[in-house]
N, C-alpha and C. Protein backbone atom coordinates (compact mmCIF):
# COMPACT_ATOMS: atom_id res chain seq x y z
N MET A 1 47.58 0.14 -37.28
CA MET A 1 47.00 -0.95 -38.07
C MET A 1 47.75 -2.25 -37.77
N ARG A 2 47.02 -3.38 -37.92
CA ARG A 2 47.65 -4.65 -37.62
C ARG A 2 48.77 -4.99 -38.61
N GLY A 3 48.60 -4.56 -39.87
CA GLY A 3 49.61 -4.91 -40.87
C GLY A 3 50.92 -4.19 -40.68
N SER A 4 50.94 -3.11 -39.96
CA SER A 4 52.16 -2.34 -39.74
C SER A 4 52.98 -2.85 -38.58
N GLY A 5 52.52 -3.92 -37.94
CA GLY A 5 53.28 -4.49 -36.84
C GLY A 5 52.92 -3.92 -35.49
N CYS A 6 51.92 -3.02 -35.45
CA CYS A 6 51.50 -2.44 -34.17
C CYS A 6 50.67 -3.46 -33.40
N ARG A 7 50.87 -3.49 -32.12
CA ARG A 7 50.14 -4.43 -31.26
C ARG A 7 48.98 -3.72 -30.59
N ASP A 8 47.90 -4.44 -30.40
CA ASP A 8 46.74 -3.87 -29.71
C ASP A 8 47.07 -3.66 -28.25
N PRO A 9 46.58 -2.58 -27.67
CA PRO A 9 46.84 -2.34 -26.24
C PRO A 9 46.12 -3.37 -25.39
N PRO A 10 46.70 -3.75 -24.28
CA PRO A 10 46.04 -4.74 -23.40
C PRO A 10 44.74 -4.19 -22.84
N VAL A 11 43.76 -5.06 -22.72
CA VAL A 11 42.44 -4.69 -22.21
C VAL A 11 42.32 -5.16 -20.78
N ARG A 12 42.07 -4.24 -19.88
CA ARG A 12 41.89 -4.57 -18.47
C ARG A 12 40.41 -4.70 -18.18
N SER A 13 40.05 -5.77 -17.56
CA SER A 13 38.64 -6.01 -17.25
C SER A 13 38.50 -6.28 -15.76
N GLN A 14 37.33 -5.98 -15.26
CA GLN A 14 37.00 -6.24 -13.87
C GLN A 14 35.91 -7.29 -13.81
N ASP A 15 35.87 -7.99 -12.71
CA ASP A 15 34.85 -9.02 -12.56
C ASP A 15 33.51 -8.36 -12.27
N PRO A 16 32.54 -8.41 -13.19
CA PRO A 16 31.26 -7.71 -12.95
C PRO A 16 30.33 -8.46 -12.03
N ALA A 17 30.69 -9.70 -11.71
CA ALA A 17 29.78 -10.50 -10.90
C ALA A 17 30.05 -10.36 -9.41
N LYS A 18 31.07 -9.61 -9.04
CA LYS A 18 31.40 -9.45 -7.62
C LYS A 18 30.34 -8.59 -6.94
N PHE A 19 29.68 -9.13 -5.94
CA PHE A 19 28.59 -8.42 -5.28
C PHE A 19 29.14 -7.24 -4.49
N GLY A 20 28.44 -6.12 -4.55
CA GLY A 20 28.85 -4.94 -3.81
C GLY A 20 29.61 -3.95 -4.64
N GLU A 21 30.03 -4.34 -5.85
CA GLU A 21 30.73 -3.39 -6.71
C GLU A 21 29.77 -2.29 -7.15
N PRO A 22 30.18 -1.04 -7.07
CA PRO A 22 29.29 0.05 -7.47
C PRO A 22 29.25 0.23 -8.98
N THR A 23 29.29 -0.87 -9.75
CA THR A 23 29.27 -0.80 -11.20
C THR A 23 27.83 -0.65 -11.67
N TYR A 24 27.62 0.27 -12.58
CA TYR A 24 26.26 0.53 -13.06
C TYR A 24 25.73 -0.69 -13.82
N GLY A 25 24.52 -1.08 -13.48
CA GLY A 25 23.87 -2.17 -14.19
C GLY A 25 24.19 -3.55 -13.66
N VAL A 26 25.02 -3.67 -12.61
CA VAL A 26 25.37 -4.98 -12.08
C VAL A 26 24.57 -5.30 -10.83
N ARG A 27 24.49 -4.35 -9.90
CA ARG A 27 23.77 -4.60 -8.66
C ARG A 27 22.27 -4.69 -8.89
N ALA A 28 21.77 -3.92 -9.86
CA ALA A 28 20.33 -3.93 -10.11
C ALA A 28 19.84 -5.31 -10.55
N PRO A 29 20.49 -6.00 -11.53
CA PRO A 29 20.02 -7.35 -11.89
C PRO A 29 20.10 -8.33 -10.74
N LEU A 30 21.16 -8.24 -9.91
CA LEU A 30 21.26 -9.12 -8.76
C LEU A 30 20.10 -8.91 -7.80
N LEU A 31 19.75 -7.65 -7.55
CA LEU A 31 18.63 -7.35 -6.67
C LEU A 31 17.32 -7.80 -7.30
N ASP A 32 17.18 -7.59 -8.62
CA ASP A 32 15.96 -8.01 -9.29
C ASP A 32 15.74 -9.51 -9.17
N ARG A 33 16.80 -10.27 -9.31
CA ARG A 33 16.67 -11.73 -9.21
C ARG A 33 16.25 -12.15 -7.81
N ARG A 34 16.83 -11.52 -6.82
CA ARG A 34 16.49 -11.88 -5.44
C ARG A 34 15.05 -11.50 -5.11
N VAL A 35 14.64 -10.33 -5.58
CA VAL A 35 13.25 -9.92 -5.36
C VAL A 35 12.30 -10.87 -6.08
N THR A 36 12.67 -11.31 -7.28
CA THR A 36 11.83 -12.26 -8.01
C THR A 36 11.70 -13.57 -7.26
N VAL A 37 12.80 -14.05 -6.70
CA VAL A 37 12.76 -15.29 -5.93
C VAL A 37 11.86 -15.14 -4.71
N VAL A 38 11.99 -14.02 -4.01
CA VAL A 38 11.14 -13.77 -2.84
C VAL A 38 9.68 -13.71 -3.25
N GLY A 39 9.38 -13.06 -4.37
CA GLY A 39 8.00 -12.97 -4.83
C GLY A 39 7.42 -14.33 -5.20
N VAL A 40 8.21 -15.17 -5.86
CA VAL A 40 7.73 -16.50 -6.24
C VAL A 40 7.48 -17.35 -5.00
N VAL A 41 8.42 -17.33 -4.05
CA VAL A 41 8.25 -18.11 -2.82
C VAL A 41 7.03 -17.62 -2.04
N SER A 42 6.84 -16.30 -1.97
CA SER A 42 5.68 -15.75 -1.27
C SER A 42 4.39 -16.18 -1.96
N GLY A 43 4.39 -16.17 -3.29
CA GLY A 43 3.19 -16.59 -4.02
C GLY A 43 2.85 -18.04 -3.76
N ILE A 44 3.87 -18.90 -3.69
CA ILE A 44 3.62 -20.31 -3.39
C ILE A 44 3.06 -20.46 -1.98
N GLY A 45 3.62 -19.70 -1.04
CA GLY A 45 3.12 -19.78 0.33
C GLY A 45 1.69 -19.32 0.47
N THR A 46 1.34 -18.21 -0.20
CA THR A 46 -0.04 -17.73 -0.13
C THR A 46 -1.00 -18.68 -0.84
N ALA A 47 -0.52 -19.42 -1.84
CA ALA A 47 -1.38 -20.41 -2.50
C ALA A 47 -1.77 -21.52 -1.52
N PHE A 48 -0.83 -21.93 -0.68
CA PHE A 48 -1.16 -22.94 0.33
C PHE A 48 -2.17 -22.39 1.34
N ILE A 49 -2.02 -21.11 1.70
CA ILE A 49 -3.00 -20.51 2.62
C ILE A 49 -4.36 -20.43 1.96
N ALA A 50 -4.41 -20.05 0.69
CA ALA A 50 -5.69 -19.94 -0.02
C ALA A 50 -6.38 -21.29 -0.14
N SER A 51 -5.61 -22.37 -0.20
CA SER A 51 -6.22 -23.70 -0.33
C SER A 51 -7.01 -24.09 0.91
N GLY A 52 -6.77 -23.40 2.03
CA GLY A 52 -7.52 -23.70 3.24
C GLY A 52 -8.87 -23.03 3.31
N TYR A 53 -9.22 -22.22 2.30
CA TYR A 53 -10.50 -21.53 2.27
C TYR A 53 -11.47 -22.27 1.36
N SER A 54 -12.70 -22.38 1.80
CA SER A 54 -13.75 -22.96 0.95
C SER A 54 -14.30 -21.94 -0.03
N ASN A 55 -14.10 -20.65 0.26
CA ASN A 55 -14.59 -19.57 -0.60
C ASN A 55 -13.44 -18.61 -0.86
N ILE A 56 -13.10 -18.42 -2.12
CA ILE A 56 -11.96 -17.57 -2.45
C ILE A 56 -12.24 -16.11 -2.09
N MET A 57 -13.51 -15.71 -2.06
CA MET A 57 -13.85 -14.33 -1.72
C MET A 57 -13.47 -14.02 -0.28
N ASN A 58 -13.62 -14.99 0.62
CA ASN A 58 -13.21 -14.75 2.01
C ASN A 58 -11.71 -14.51 2.10
N TYR A 59 -10.96 -15.22 1.28
CA TYR A 59 -9.50 -15.04 1.27
C TYR A 59 -9.14 -13.66 0.72
N ILE A 60 -9.80 -13.24 -0.36
CA ILE A 60 -9.52 -11.93 -0.94
C ILE A 60 -9.89 -10.82 0.04
N LEU A 61 -11.03 -10.97 0.72
CA LEU A 61 -11.44 -9.95 1.69
C LEU A 61 -10.47 -9.90 2.88
N ALA A 62 -9.94 -11.04 3.27
CA ALA A 62 -8.95 -11.05 4.35
C ALA A 62 -7.70 -10.28 3.94
N LEU A 63 -7.26 -10.48 2.69
CA LEU A 63 -6.10 -9.73 2.20
C LEU A 63 -6.39 -8.24 2.13
N PHE A 64 -7.60 -7.89 1.69
CA PHE A 64 -7.97 -6.48 1.62
C PHE A 64 -7.97 -5.84 3.01
N SER A 65 -8.47 -6.57 4.01
CA SER A 65 -8.51 -6.00 5.36
C SER A 65 -7.11 -5.80 5.92
N ILE A 66 -6.17 -6.65 5.52
CA ILE A 66 -4.81 -6.55 6.06
C ILE A 66 -4.00 -5.46 5.36
N PHE A 67 -4.16 -5.34 4.05
CA PHE A 67 -3.29 -4.44 3.29
C PHE A 67 -4.00 -3.17 2.80
N ASN A 68 -5.23 -3.28 2.35
CA ASN A 68 -5.89 -2.11 1.75
C ASN A 68 -6.47 -1.16 2.79
N ALA A 69 -7.00 -1.70 3.89
CA ALA A 69 -7.62 -0.83 4.90
C ALA A 69 -6.61 0.14 5.52
N PRO A 70 -5.44 -0.30 5.96
CA PRO A 70 -4.48 0.69 6.48
C PRO A 70 -3.98 1.65 5.41
N LEU A 71 -3.84 1.17 4.19
CA LEU A 71 -3.41 2.06 3.11
C LEU A 71 -4.45 3.13 2.84
N PHE A 72 -5.72 2.77 2.95
CA PHE A 72 -6.79 3.75 2.76
C PHE A 72 -6.74 4.82 3.84
N ALA A 73 -6.51 4.41 5.09
CA ALA A 73 -6.41 5.38 6.19
C ALA A 73 -5.25 6.34 5.98
N THR A 74 -4.10 5.80 5.59
CA THR A 74 -2.94 6.66 5.33
C THR A 74 -3.21 7.63 4.19
N PHE A 75 -3.85 7.15 3.16
CA PHE A 75 -4.15 7.99 2.00
C PHE A 75 -5.10 9.13 2.36
N ILE A 76 -6.16 8.82 3.10
CA ILE A 76 -7.15 9.84 3.45
C ILE A 76 -6.53 10.90 4.36
N ILE A 77 -5.79 10.46 5.38
CA ILE A 77 -5.19 11.43 6.30
C ILE A 77 -4.16 12.28 5.57
N GLY A 78 -3.34 11.66 4.74
CA GLY A 78 -2.33 12.41 4.01
C GLY A 78 -2.90 13.38 3.00
N MET A 79 -4.08 13.08 2.49
CA MET A 79 -4.68 13.94 1.48
C MET A 79 -5.33 15.18 2.09
N PHE A 80 -5.79 15.08 3.34
CA PHE A 80 -6.52 16.19 3.95
C PHE A 80 -5.78 16.86 5.10
N TRP A 81 -4.64 16.34 5.52
CA TRP A 81 -3.93 16.91 6.67
C TRP A 81 -2.49 17.22 6.27
N LYS A 82 -2.15 18.49 6.24
CA LYS A 82 -0.82 18.91 5.82
C LYS A 82 0.25 18.60 6.87
N ARG A 83 -0.16 18.33 8.09
CA ARG A 83 0.81 18.07 9.18
C ARG A 83 1.39 16.66 9.13
N MET A 84 0.82 15.79 8.34
CA MET A 84 1.27 14.40 8.29
C MET A 84 2.70 14.31 7.75
N THR A 85 3.49 13.39 8.30
CA THR A 85 4.89 13.24 7.92
C THR A 85 5.14 11.88 7.28
N PRO A 86 6.23 11.73 6.53
CA PRO A 86 6.54 10.42 5.94
C PRO A 86 6.74 9.32 6.98
N ALA A 87 7.38 9.65 8.10
CA ALA A 87 7.58 8.65 9.15
C ALA A 87 6.25 8.19 9.72
N ALA A 88 5.30 9.12 9.86
CA ALA A 88 3.98 8.76 10.36
C ALA A 88 3.27 7.82 9.41
N ALA A 89 3.41 8.06 8.12
CA ALA A 89 2.78 7.17 7.13
C ALA A 89 3.35 5.76 7.23
N LEU A 90 4.66 5.66 7.38
CA LEU A 90 5.30 4.35 7.47
C LEU A 90 4.85 3.59 8.71
N TRP A 91 4.94 4.23 9.88
CA TRP A 91 4.56 3.54 11.11
C TRP A 91 3.07 3.30 11.20
N GLY A 92 2.28 4.18 10.59
CA GLY A 92 0.84 3.94 10.54
C GLY A 92 0.50 2.70 9.73
N LEU A 93 1.16 2.54 8.59
CA LEU A 93 0.93 1.35 7.77
C LEU A 93 1.36 0.08 8.50
N ILE A 94 2.48 0.16 9.19
CA ILE A 94 2.95 -1.01 9.95
C ILE A 94 1.96 -1.37 11.05
N ALA A 95 1.47 -0.37 11.77
CA ALA A 95 0.52 -0.63 12.86
C ALA A 95 -0.80 -1.17 12.32
N GLY A 96 -1.31 -0.56 11.25
CA GLY A 96 -2.57 -1.03 10.68
C GLY A 96 -2.48 -2.43 10.13
N THR A 97 -1.41 -2.71 9.40
CA THR A 97 -1.23 -4.06 8.85
C THR A 97 -1.06 -5.08 9.97
N GLY A 98 -0.29 -4.72 10.99
CA GLY A 98 -0.12 -5.63 12.11
C GLY A 98 -1.40 -5.89 12.87
N GLY A 99 -2.23 -4.85 13.06
CA GLY A 99 -3.49 -5.04 13.75
C GLY A 99 -4.44 -5.95 13.01
N ALA A 100 -4.56 -5.74 11.70
CA ALA A 100 -5.44 -6.60 10.91
C ALA A 100 -4.90 -8.03 10.84
N ALA A 101 -3.58 -8.18 10.73
CA ALA A 101 -3.00 -9.51 10.72
C ALA A 101 -3.23 -10.23 12.05
N PHE A 102 -3.18 -9.49 13.15
CA PHE A 102 -3.45 -10.09 14.46
C PHE A 102 -4.88 -10.60 14.54
N ILE A 103 -5.83 -9.81 14.06
CA ILE A 103 -7.23 -10.25 14.06
C ILE A 103 -7.39 -11.48 13.18
N PHE A 104 -6.72 -11.49 12.04
CA PHE A 104 -6.83 -12.63 11.13
C PHE A 104 -6.29 -13.91 11.75
N VAL A 105 -5.12 -13.82 12.36
CA VAL A 105 -4.47 -15.01 12.90
C VAL A 105 -5.21 -15.55 14.11
N THR A 106 -5.80 -14.67 14.91
CA THR A 106 -6.44 -15.10 16.16
C THR A 106 -7.94 -15.34 16.02
N SER A 107 -8.51 -15.16 14.82
CA SER A 107 -9.93 -15.45 14.61
C SER A 107 -10.09 -16.84 14.01
N GLU A 108 -11.34 -17.31 13.94
CA GLU A 108 -11.57 -18.65 13.42
C GLU A 108 -11.20 -18.77 11.95
N SER A 109 -11.25 -17.66 11.22
CA SER A 109 -10.88 -17.70 9.81
C SER A 109 -9.40 -18.02 9.63
N GLY A 110 -8.55 -17.34 10.37
CA GLY A 110 -7.12 -17.60 10.27
C GLY A 110 -6.72 -18.92 10.88
N VAL A 111 -7.35 -19.30 11.99
CA VAL A 111 -7.02 -20.57 12.65
C VAL A 111 -7.31 -21.74 11.73
N ASP A 112 -8.47 -21.69 11.03
CA ASP A 112 -8.84 -22.79 10.15
C ASP A 112 -7.96 -22.84 8.90
N SER A 113 -7.69 -21.68 8.30
CA SER A 113 -6.93 -21.67 7.05
C SER A 113 -5.46 -21.97 7.26
N LEU A 114 -4.91 -21.59 8.41
CA LEU A 114 -3.49 -21.83 8.68
C LEU A 114 -3.24 -23.17 9.35
N GLY A 115 -4.31 -23.87 9.74
CA GLY A 115 -4.16 -25.19 10.32
C GLY A 115 -3.73 -25.20 11.77
N PHE A 116 -4.03 -24.13 12.52
CA PHE A 116 -3.66 -24.10 13.94
C PHE A 116 -4.57 -25.04 14.73
N SER A 117 -4.02 -25.63 15.77
CA SER A 117 -4.81 -26.52 16.63
C SER A 117 -5.43 -25.77 17.80
N GLU A 118 -4.89 -24.59 18.12
CA GLU A 118 -5.42 -23.83 19.25
C GLU A 118 -6.79 -23.25 18.90
N PRO A 119 -7.66 -23.10 19.88
CA PRO A 119 -8.96 -22.45 19.62
C PRO A 119 -8.76 -20.98 19.31
N PRO A 120 -9.64 -20.40 18.51
CA PRO A 120 -9.48 -18.98 18.15
C PRO A 120 -9.70 -18.07 19.35
N LEU A 121 -8.99 -16.96 19.36
CA LEU A 121 -9.14 -15.97 20.42
C LEU A 121 -10.39 -15.14 20.21
N PHE A 122 -10.73 -14.87 18.94
CA PHE A 122 -11.93 -14.10 18.59
C PHE A 122 -12.82 -14.95 17.69
N THR A 123 -14.11 -14.89 17.95
CA THR A 123 -15.09 -15.61 17.14
C THR A 123 -16.08 -14.61 16.57
N PHE A 124 -16.07 -14.46 15.25
CA PHE A 124 -16.93 -13.48 14.58
C PHE A 124 -18.10 -14.12 13.85
N GLY A 125 -18.11 -15.43 13.74
CA GLY A 125 -19.25 -16.10 13.12
C GLY A 125 -19.05 -16.43 11.66
N SER A 126 -18.27 -15.65 10.94
CA SER A 126 -18.04 -15.90 9.51
C SER A 126 -16.74 -15.23 9.09
N GLY A 127 -16.21 -15.69 7.97
CA GLY A 127 -15.01 -15.07 7.44
C GLY A 127 -15.22 -13.64 7.00
N LEU A 128 -16.42 -13.36 6.47
CA LEU A 128 -16.74 -12.00 6.05
C LEU A 128 -16.74 -11.05 7.23
N SER A 129 -17.34 -11.47 8.34
CA SER A 129 -17.38 -10.63 9.54
C SER A 129 -15.97 -10.43 10.11
N ALA A 130 -15.16 -11.48 10.08
CA ALA A 130 -13.79 -11.36 10.57
C ALA A 130 -12.99 -10.37 9.73
N SER A 131 -13.18 -10.41 8.41
CA SER A 131 -12.48 -9.46 7.54
C SER A 131 -12.95 -8.04 7.79
N PHE A 132 -14.25 -7.89 8.04
CA PHE A 132 -14.79 -6.55 8.30
C PHE A 132 -14.17 -5.96 9.57
N TRP A 133 -14.15 -6.73 10.65
CA TRP A 133 -13.59 -6.21 11.89
C TRP A 133 -12.07 -6.05 11.80
N GLY A 134 -11.43 -6.90 11.02
CA GLY A 134 -10.00 -6.71 10.78
C GLY A 134 -9.71 -5.40 10.08
N ALA A 135 -10.57 -5.04 9.11
CA ALA A 135 -10.41 -3.77 8.41
C ALA A 135 -10.64 -2.59 9.35
N VAL A 136 -11.63 -2.72 10.25
CA VAL A 136 -11.89 -1.65 11.21
C VAL A 136 -10.69 -1.45 12.13
N VAL A 137 -10.15 -2.54 12.65
CA VAL A 137 -8.98 -2.45 13.52
C VAL A 137 -7.79 -1.85 12.77
N ALA A 138 -7.60 -2.26 11.52
CA ALA A 138 -6.48 -1.73 10.73
C ALA A 138 -6.63 -0.24 10.50
N PHE A 139 -7.84 0.20 10.17
CA PHE A 139 -8.07 1.63 9.90
C PHE A 139 -7.83 2.46 11.16
N VAL A 140 -8.40 2.01 12.29
CA VAL A 140 -8.27 2.77 13.54
C VAL A 140 -6.82 2.79 14.01
N ALA A 141 -6.15 1.64 13.98
CA ALA A 141 -4.75 1.59 14.42
C ALA A 141 -3.87 2.47 13.54
N ASP A 142 -4.08 2.40 12.24
CA ASP A 142 -3.30 3.23 11.32
C ASP A 142 -3.53 4.71 11.60
N ALA A 143 -4.80 5.10 11.78
CA ALA A 143 -5.11 6.52 12.01
C ALA A 143 -4.50 7.02 13.31
N LEU A 144 -4.61 6.24 14.38
CA LEU A 144 -4.08 6.67 15.67
C LEU A 144 -2.56 6.82 15.64
N VAL A 145 -1.89 5.83 15.08
CA VAL A 145 -0.42 5.89 15.02
C VAL A 145 0.04 7.00 14.09
N THR A 146 -0.65 7.17 12.97
CA THR A 146 -0.27 8.22 12.02
C THR A 146 -0.38 9.60 12.65
N VAL A 147 -1.48 9.86 13.33
CA VAL A 147 -1.67 11.17 13.95
C VAL A 147 -0.65 11.38 15.08
N THR A 148 -0.43 10.35 15.89
CA THR A 148 0.50 10.48 17.01
C THR A 148 1.92 10.75 16.54
N VAL A 149 2.38 9.97 15.57
CA VAL A 149 3.75 10.16 15.08
C VAL A 149 3.89 11.49 14.35
N SER A 150 2.84 11.92 13.67
CA SER A 150 2.90 13.21 12.97
C SER A 150 3.09 14.36 13.93
N LEU A 151 2.50 14.26 15.12
CA LEU A 151 2.59 15.35 16.09
C LEU A 151 3.98 15.46 16.72
N VAL A 152 4.79 14.41 16.64
CA VAL A 152 6.11 14.45 17.28
C VAL A 152 7.24 14.44 16.25
N THR A 153 6.91 14.54 14.98
CA THR A 153 7.93 14.59 13.93
C THR A 153 7.76 15.86 13.10
N THR A 154 8.78 16.19 12.35
CA THR A 154 8.78 17.43 11.57
C THR A 154 8.09 17.22 10.23
N PRO A 155 7.07 18.03 9.93
CA PRO A 155 6.38 17.86 8.64
C PRO A 155 7.17 18.48 7.50
N LYS A 156 6.76 18.16 6.29
CA LYS A 156 7.38 18.75 5.11
C LYS A 156 6.91 20.19 4.94
N PRO A 157 7.72 21.04 4.30
CA PRO A 157 7.27 22.42 4.04
C PRO A 157 6.01 22.44 3.18
N VAL A 158 5.20 23.46 3.42
CA VAL A 158 3.94 23.57 2.68
C VAL A 158 4.20 23.73 1.19
N GLU A 159 5.33 24.35 0.83
CA GLU A 159 5.63 24.55 -0.59
C GLU A 159 5.78 23.23 -1.32
N GLU A 160 6.25 22.19 -0.64
CA GLU A 160 6.43 20.89 -1.28
C GLU A 160 5.12 20.12 -1.41
N LEU A 161 4.07 20.60 -0.77
CA LEU A 161 2.79 19.89 -0.79
C LEU A 161 1.79 20.52 -1.74
N ALA A 162 2.21 21.50 -2.51
CA ALA A 162 1.29 22.18 -3.43
C ALA A 162 0.73 21.19 -4.44
N GLY A 163 -0.59 21.12 -4.48
CA GLY A 163 -1.26 20.22 -5.39
C GLY A 163 -1.39 18.80 -4.91
N LEU A 164 -0.82 18.47 -3.74
CA LEU A 164 -0.87 17.11 -3.21
C LEU A 164 -1.83 16.97 -2.04
N VAL A 165 -1.99 18.02 -1.25
CA VAL A 165 -2.85 18.00 -0.07
C VAL A 165 -4.00 18.96 -0.30
N TYR A 166 -5.19 18.58 0.19
CA TYR A 166 -6.36 19.42 0.03
C TYR A 166 -6.15 20.76 0.72
N GLY A 167 -6.42 21.84 0.01
CA GLY A 167 -6.23 23.17 0.55
C GLY A 167 -4.92 23.81 0.17
N SER A 168 -4.01 23.04 -0.43
CA SER A 168 -2.73 23.61 -0.84
C SER A 168 -2.56 23.61 -2.35
N ALA A 169 -3.65 23.49 -3.07
CA ALA A 169 -3.57 23.50 -4.53
C ALA A 169 -3.18 24.88 -5.03
N VAL A 170 -2.65 24.92 -6.20
CA VAL A 170 -2.25 26.18 -6.80
C VAL A 170 -3.48 27.02 -7.09
N ARG A 171 -3.40 28.29 -6.72
CA ARG A 171 -4.56 29.17 -6.88
C ARG A 171 -4.95 29.34 -8.34
N ALA A 172 -3.98 29.31 -9.22
CA ALA A 172 -4.30 29.48 -10.64
C ALA A 172 -5.19 28.35 -11.14
N ALA A 173 -4.93 27.14 -10.67
CA ALA A 173 -5.76 26.01 -11.09
C ALA A 173 -7.17 26.15 -10.55
N GLU A 174 -7.31 26.64 -9.31
CA GLU A 174 -8.64 26.84 -8.74
C GLU A 174 -9.39 27.91 -9.52
N THR A 175 -8.72 28.98 -9.87
CA THR A 175 -9.36 30.04 -10.64
C THR A 175 -9.81 29.53 -12.00
N HIS A 176 -9.00 28.69 -12.61
CA HIS A 176 -9.37 28.13 -13.90
C HIS A 176 -10.61 27.25 -13.78
N ALA A 177 -10.67 26.45 -12.71
CA ALA A 177 -11.83 25.58 -12.52
C ALA A 177 -13.09 26.38 -12.23
N GLU A 178 -12.95 27.50 -11.52
CA GLU A 178 -14.12 28.31 -11.19
C GLU A 178 -14.73 28.96 -12.44
N HIS A 179 -13.92 29.25 -13.43
CA HIS A 179 -14.41 29.91 -14.63
C HIS A 179 -14.84 28.93 -15.72
N GLN A 180 -14.78 27.64 -15.44
CA GLN A 180 -15.24 26.66 -16.41
C GLN A 180 -16.76 26.57 -16.38
N VAL A 181 -17.35 26.21 -17.53
CA VAL A 181 -18.79 25.96 -17.58
C VAL A 181 -19.08 24.68 -16.81
N TRP A 182 -20.32 24.51 -16.39
CA TRP A 182 -20.64 23.46 -15.44
C TRP A 182 -20.37 22.06 -16.00
N TRP A 183 -20.54 21.85 -17.32
CA TRP A 183 -20.32 20.51 -17.85
C TRP A 183 -18.83 20.20 -18.07
N GLN A 184 -17.96 21.17 -17.83
CA GLN A 184 -16.53 20.95 -17.90
C GLN A 184 -15.85 21.03 -16.54
N ASN A 185 -16.63 21.22 -15.49
CA ASN A 185 -16.08 21.36 -14.14
C ASN A 185 -16.00 19.98 -13.48
N PRO A 186 -14.83 19.55 -13.02
CA PRO A 186 -14.72 18.23 -12.38
C PRO A 186 -15.51 18.12 -11.08
N VAL A 187 -15.74 19.25 -10.40
CA VAL A 187 -16.54 19.21 -9.17
C VAL A 187 -17.97 18.77 -9.48
N THR A 188 -18.52 19.27 -10.57
CA THR A 188 -19.88 18.89 -10.97
C THR A 188 -19.96 17.40 -11.24
N PHE A 189 -19.00 16.86 -11.96
CA PHE A 189 -19.01 15.43 -12.26
C PHE A 189 -18.80 14.60 -10.99
N GLY A 190 -17.98 15.09 -10.06
CA GLY A 190 -17.78 14.36 -8.81
C GLY A 190 -19.05 14.28 -7.99
N ILE A 191 -19.77 15.40 -7.87
CA ILE A 191 -21.03 15.40 -7.13
C ILE A 191 -22.05 14.51 -7.83
N GLY A 192 -22.09 14.58 -9.16
CA GLY A 192 -23.01 13.73 -9.91
C GLY A 192 -22.73 12.25 -9.71
N ALA A 193 -21.45 11.87 -9.65
CA ALA A 193 -21.10 10.47 -9.43
C ALA A 193 -21.54 10.01 -8.04
N LEU A 194 -21.40 10.87 -7.03
CA LEU A 194 -21.85 10.51 -5.69
C LEU A 194 -23.36 10.35 -5.62
N VAL A 195 -24.08 11.24 -6.29
CA VAL A 195 -25.54 11.16 -6.30
C VAL A 195 -26.01 9.89 -6.99
N LEU A 196 -25.37 9.51 -8.08
CA LEU A 196 -25.76 8.30 -8.80
C LEU A 196 -25.38 7.03 -8.04
N ALA A 197 -24.28 7.07 -7.29
CA ALA A 197 -23.84 5.88 -6.56
C ALA A 197 -24.57 5.68 -5.25
N ALA A 198 -25.12 6.76 -4.67
CA ALA A 198 -25.78 6.65 -3.36
C ALA A 198 -26.93 5.65 -3.35
N PRO A 199 -27.83 5.62 -4.35
CA PRO A 199 -28.94 4.64 -4.30
C PRO A 199 -28.47 3.19 -4.32
N LEU A 200 -27.29 2.92 -4.83
CA LEU A 200 -26.80 1.54 -4.88
C LEU A 200 -26.48 1.00 -3.50
N TYR A 201 -26.26 1.89 -2.52
CA TYR A 201 -25.94 1.46 -1.16
C TYR A 201 -27.18 1.25 -0.30
N ILE A 202 -28.34 1.75 -0.76
CA ILE A 202 -29.55 1.67 0.05
C ILE A 202 -29.94 0.23 0.37
N PRO A 203 -29.91 -0.72 -0.59
CA PRO A 203 -30.30 -2.10 -0.24
C PRO A 203 -29.43 -2.75 0.82
N PHE A 204 -28.23 -2.23 1.05
CA PHE A 204 -27.32 -2.85 2.01
C PHE A 204 -27.38 -2.20 3.39
N LEU A 205 -28.22 -1.17 3.54
CA LEU A 205 -28.33 -0.50 4.84
C LEU A 205 -29.17 -1.32 5.80
């Protein structure tokens, strides 16, 4: 107690702001701040790019062709092919994103929005058409690289893919679904959704 003349023990403290210290809760906020700064700067940069478009939908479709198309290819291949590896997914995404970005930068859509003075390498006639072909290039490049890298790398064990890849689901779950009545079976609802959605695509054929 303080009244008995006892002195408090000295308190040793470390500098929590020193970068690289393996102190819990210190490196994470520093990284969060840097990621936030990068995100804000990237958002400002993309806003300047978007200002070069007369139609915001063309800009959104260009972004979808660059980022969503390769992601879709990786997702589809990974869902139906057990041989796919994590390295293949990474390099496939890089190849697909790079291919779509190349089409964007070298077409009239990217040349106009980025303010380049050089004539476009590819002329598609419209921003919508350029985004469409960019998505095609992204999907094909992603698929080719993903399959190629998967064949030369070691896949994950089948046991780790249970329930994640088509054909490797747990048998008990399949048995349960088979014994469900038709209005409780997800397969029935999936087929019904496809049948209902199919007529909506007819006007665009």
